[in-house]
C-alpha atoms as a PDB file:
ATOM      1  CA  UNK A   1      57.531  24.726 -67.037  1.00  0.00           C
ATOM      2  CA  UNK A   2      54.351  24.496 -68.883  1.00  0.00           C
ATOM      3  CA  UNK A   3      50.881  23.578 -66.790  1.00  0.00           C
ATOM      4  CA  UNK A   4      48.050  22.021 -68.344  1.00  0.00           C
ATOM      5  CA  UNK A   5      44.533  21.458 -67.351  1.00  0.00           C
ATOM      6  CA  UNK A   6      41.030  19.850 -69.121  1.00  0.00           C
ATOM      7  CA  UNK A   7      37.798  19.604 -67.885  1.00  0.00           C
ATOM      8  CA  UNK A   8      34.982  18.836 -69.652  1.00  0.00           C
ATOM      9  CA  UNK A   9      30.823  19.513 -68.234  1.00  0.00           C
ATOM     10  CA  UNK A  10      27.880  17.676 -69.286  1.00  0.00           C
ATOM     11  CA  UNK A  11      25.560  20.848 -69.615  1.00  0.00           C
ATOM     12  CA  UNK A  12      22.807  18.623 -70.736  1.00  0.00           C
ATOM     13  CA  UNK A  13      20.949  21.073 -73.069  1.00  0.00           C
ATOM     14  CA  UNK A  14      21.880  24.433 -70.858  1.00  0.00           C
ATOM     15  CA  UNK A  15      25.561  24.015 -72.323  1.00  0.00           C
ATOM     16  CA  UNK A  16      24.989  26.233 -75.321  1.00  0.00           C
ATOM     17  CA  UNK A  17      23.596  29.173 -73.846  1.00  0.00           C
ATOM     18  CA  UNK A  18      26.518  28.646 -71.101  1.00  0.00           C
ATOM     19  CA  UNK A  19      28.866  28.960 -73.408  1.00  0.00           C
ATOM     20  CA  UNK A  20      27.641  32.010 -75.133  1.00  0.00           C
ATOM     21  CA  UNK A  21      27.553  33.495 -71.962  1.00  0.00           C
ATOM     22  CA  UNK A  22      31.300  32.593 -71.268  1.00  0.00           C
ATOM     23  CA  UNK A  23      32.928  33.039 -73.960  1.00  0.00           C
ATOM     24  CA  UNK A  24      33.582  37.439 -73.812  1.00  0.00           C
ATOM     25  CA  UNK A  25      35.642  36.223 -71.163  1.00  0.00           C
ATOM     26  CA  UNK A  26      38.077  34.543 -73.765  1.00  0.00           C
ATOM     27  CA  UNK A  27      38.773  37.938 -75.408  1.00  0.00           C
ATOM     28  CA  UNK A  28      40.795  38.775 -71.944  1.00  0.00           C
ATOM     29  CA  UNK A  29      44.610  38.654 -72.391  1.00  0.00           C
ATOM     30  CA  UNK A  30      46.847  37.223 -69.226  1.00  0.00           C
ATOM     31  CA  UNK A  31      50.627  37.262 -68.950  1.00  0.00           C
ATOM     32  CA  UNK A  32      50.837  33.944 -67.813  1.00  0.00           C
ATOM     33  CA  UNK A  33      47.255  31.972 -68.803  1.00  0.00           C
ATOM     34  CA  UNK A  34      45.893  30.878 -71.700  1.00  0.00           C
ATOM     35  CA  UNK A  35      42.309  29.288 -71.736  1.00  0.00           C
ATOM     36  CA  UNK A  36      39.735  27.739 -74.235  1.00  0.00           C
ATOM     37  CA  UNK A  37      37.011  26.697 -74.591  1.00  0.00           C
ATOM     38  CA  UNK A  38      35.212  24.211 -76.804  1.00  0.00           C
ATOM     39  CA  UNK A  39      31.298  23.251 -77.185  1.00  0.00           C
ATOM     40  CA  UNK A  40      30.736  19.915 -78.585  1.00  0.00           C
ATOM     41  CA  UNK A  41      26.594  18.564 -78.105  1.00  0.00           C
ATOM     42  CA  UNK A  42      25.846  18.826 -74.339  1.00  0.00           C
ATOM     43  CA  UNK A  43      29.243  19.491 -73.496  1.00  0.00           C
ATOM     44  CA  UNK A  44      31.802  22.332 -72.630  1.00  0.00           C
ATOM     45  CA  UNK A  45      35.122  21.700 -72.678  1.00  0.00           C
ATOM     46  CA  UNK A  46      37.794  24.123 -70.960  1.00  0.00           C
ATOM     47  CA  UNK A  47      41.134  23.741 -71.225  1.00  0.00           C
ATOM     48  CA  UNK A  48      43.942  26.202 -69.406  1.00  0.00           C
ATOM     49  CA  UNK A  49      47.750  26.301 -69.562  1.00  0.00           C
ATOM     50  CA  UNK A  50      49.667  28.155 -67.233  1.00  0.00           C
ATOM     51  CA  UNK A  51      53.291  28.858 -67.072  1.00  0.00           C
ATOM     52  CA  UNK A  52      53.609  28.127 -62.819  1.00  0.00           C
ATOM     53  CA  UNK A  53      51.591  27.065 -60.333  1.00  0.00           C
ATOM     54  CA  UNK A  54      50.231  30.150 -58.946  1.00  0.00           C
ATOM     55  CA  UNK A  55      49.202  31.123 -62.296  1.00  0.00           C
ATOM     56  CA  UNK A  56      46.917  27.934 -62.967  1.00  0.00           C
ATOM     57  CA  UNK A  57      45.544  28.429 -59.553  1.00  0.00           C
ATOM     58  CA  UNK A  58      44.812  31.725 -60.313  1.00  0.00           C
ATOM     59  CA  UNK A  59      43.340  30.655 -63.812  1.00  0.00           C
ATOM     60  CA  UNK A  60      41.091  27.524 -62.297  1.00  0.00           C
ATOM     61  CA  UNK A  61      39.784  29.282 -59.608  1.00  0.00           C
ATOM     62  CA  UNK A  62      38.484  32.093 -62.016  1.00  0.00           C
ATOM     63  CA  UNK A  63      37.257  30.019 -64.408  1.00  0.00           C
ATOM     64  CA  UNK A  64      35.571  27.308 -62.307  1.00  0.00           C
ATOM     65  CA  UNK A  65      33.460  30.018 -60.810  1.00  0.00           C
ATOM     66  CA  UNK A  66      32.059  31.533 -63.583  1.00  0.00           C
ATOM     67  CA  UNK A  67      30.752  28.090 -64.849  1.00  0.00           C
ATOM     68  CA  UNK A  68      29.551  27.988 -62.275  1.00  0.00           C
ATOM     69  CA  UNK A  69      27.567  31.271 -61.317  1.00  0.00           C
ATOM     70  CA  UNK A  70      26.672  30.833 -65.327  1.00  0.00           C
ATOM     71  CA  UNK A  71      25.512  27.793 -64.443  1.00  0.00           C
ATOM     72  CA  UNK A  72      23.128  28.657 -61.577  1.00  0.00           C
ATOM     73  CA  UNK A  73      21.855  31.873 -63.667  1.00  0.00           C
ATOM     74  CA  UNK A  74      20.800  29.571 -66.172  1.00  0.00           C
ATOM     75  CA  UNK A  75      18.818  27.407 -63.785  1.00  0.00           C
ATOM     76  CA  UNK A  76      17.348  30.562 -61.858  1.00  0.00           C
ATOM     77  CA  UNK A  77      16.128  31.873 -65.270  1.00  0.00           C
ATOM     78  CA  UNK A  78      14.497  28.432 -66.475  1.00  0.00           C
ATOM     79  CA  UNK A  79      12.662  28.031 -62.994  1.00  0.00           C
ATOM     80  CA  UNK A  80      11.685  31.640 -63.578  1.00  0.00           C
ATOM     81  CA  UNK A  81      10.534  31.069 -67.229  1.00  0.00           C
ATOM     82  CA  UNK A  82       8.587  27.613 -65.756  1.00  0.00           C
ATOM     83  CA  UNK A  83       6.627  29.745 -63.635  1.00  0.00           C
ATOM     84  CA  UNK A  84       5.683  31.897 -66.244  1.00  0.00           C
ATOM     85  CA  UNK A  85       4.171  29.563 -68.240  1.00  0.00           C
ATOM     86  CA  UNK A  86       2.171  27.730 -65.518  1.00  0.00           C
ATOM     87  CA  UNK A  87       0.629  30.882 -64.759  1.00  0.00           C
ATOM     88  CA  UNK A  88       2.969  31.702 -61.910  1.00  0.00           C
ATOM     89  CA  UNK A  89       4.325  34.921 -61.256  1.00  0.00           C
ATOM     90  CA  UNK A  90       6.637  35.753 -58.279  1.00  0.00           C
END
């Protein structure tokens, strides 16, 4: 049984940098799952195919965690950059 999942993340101006940070993960080769990332304006689209529910759960857990972490790091970097421009140094 082939399972398909698609998620769209509207990430505003951070979409490009987050997309670039996730691309190396696509180089991994998995036997029971396949993932695709698409950058479309401010959207990142994640498509995941899996052979079974266990593989889908594992793949989605991994991808959603990676995307969340990338978003958090992008936000921290942006806030730090804004602080440095305003003359505040942490």
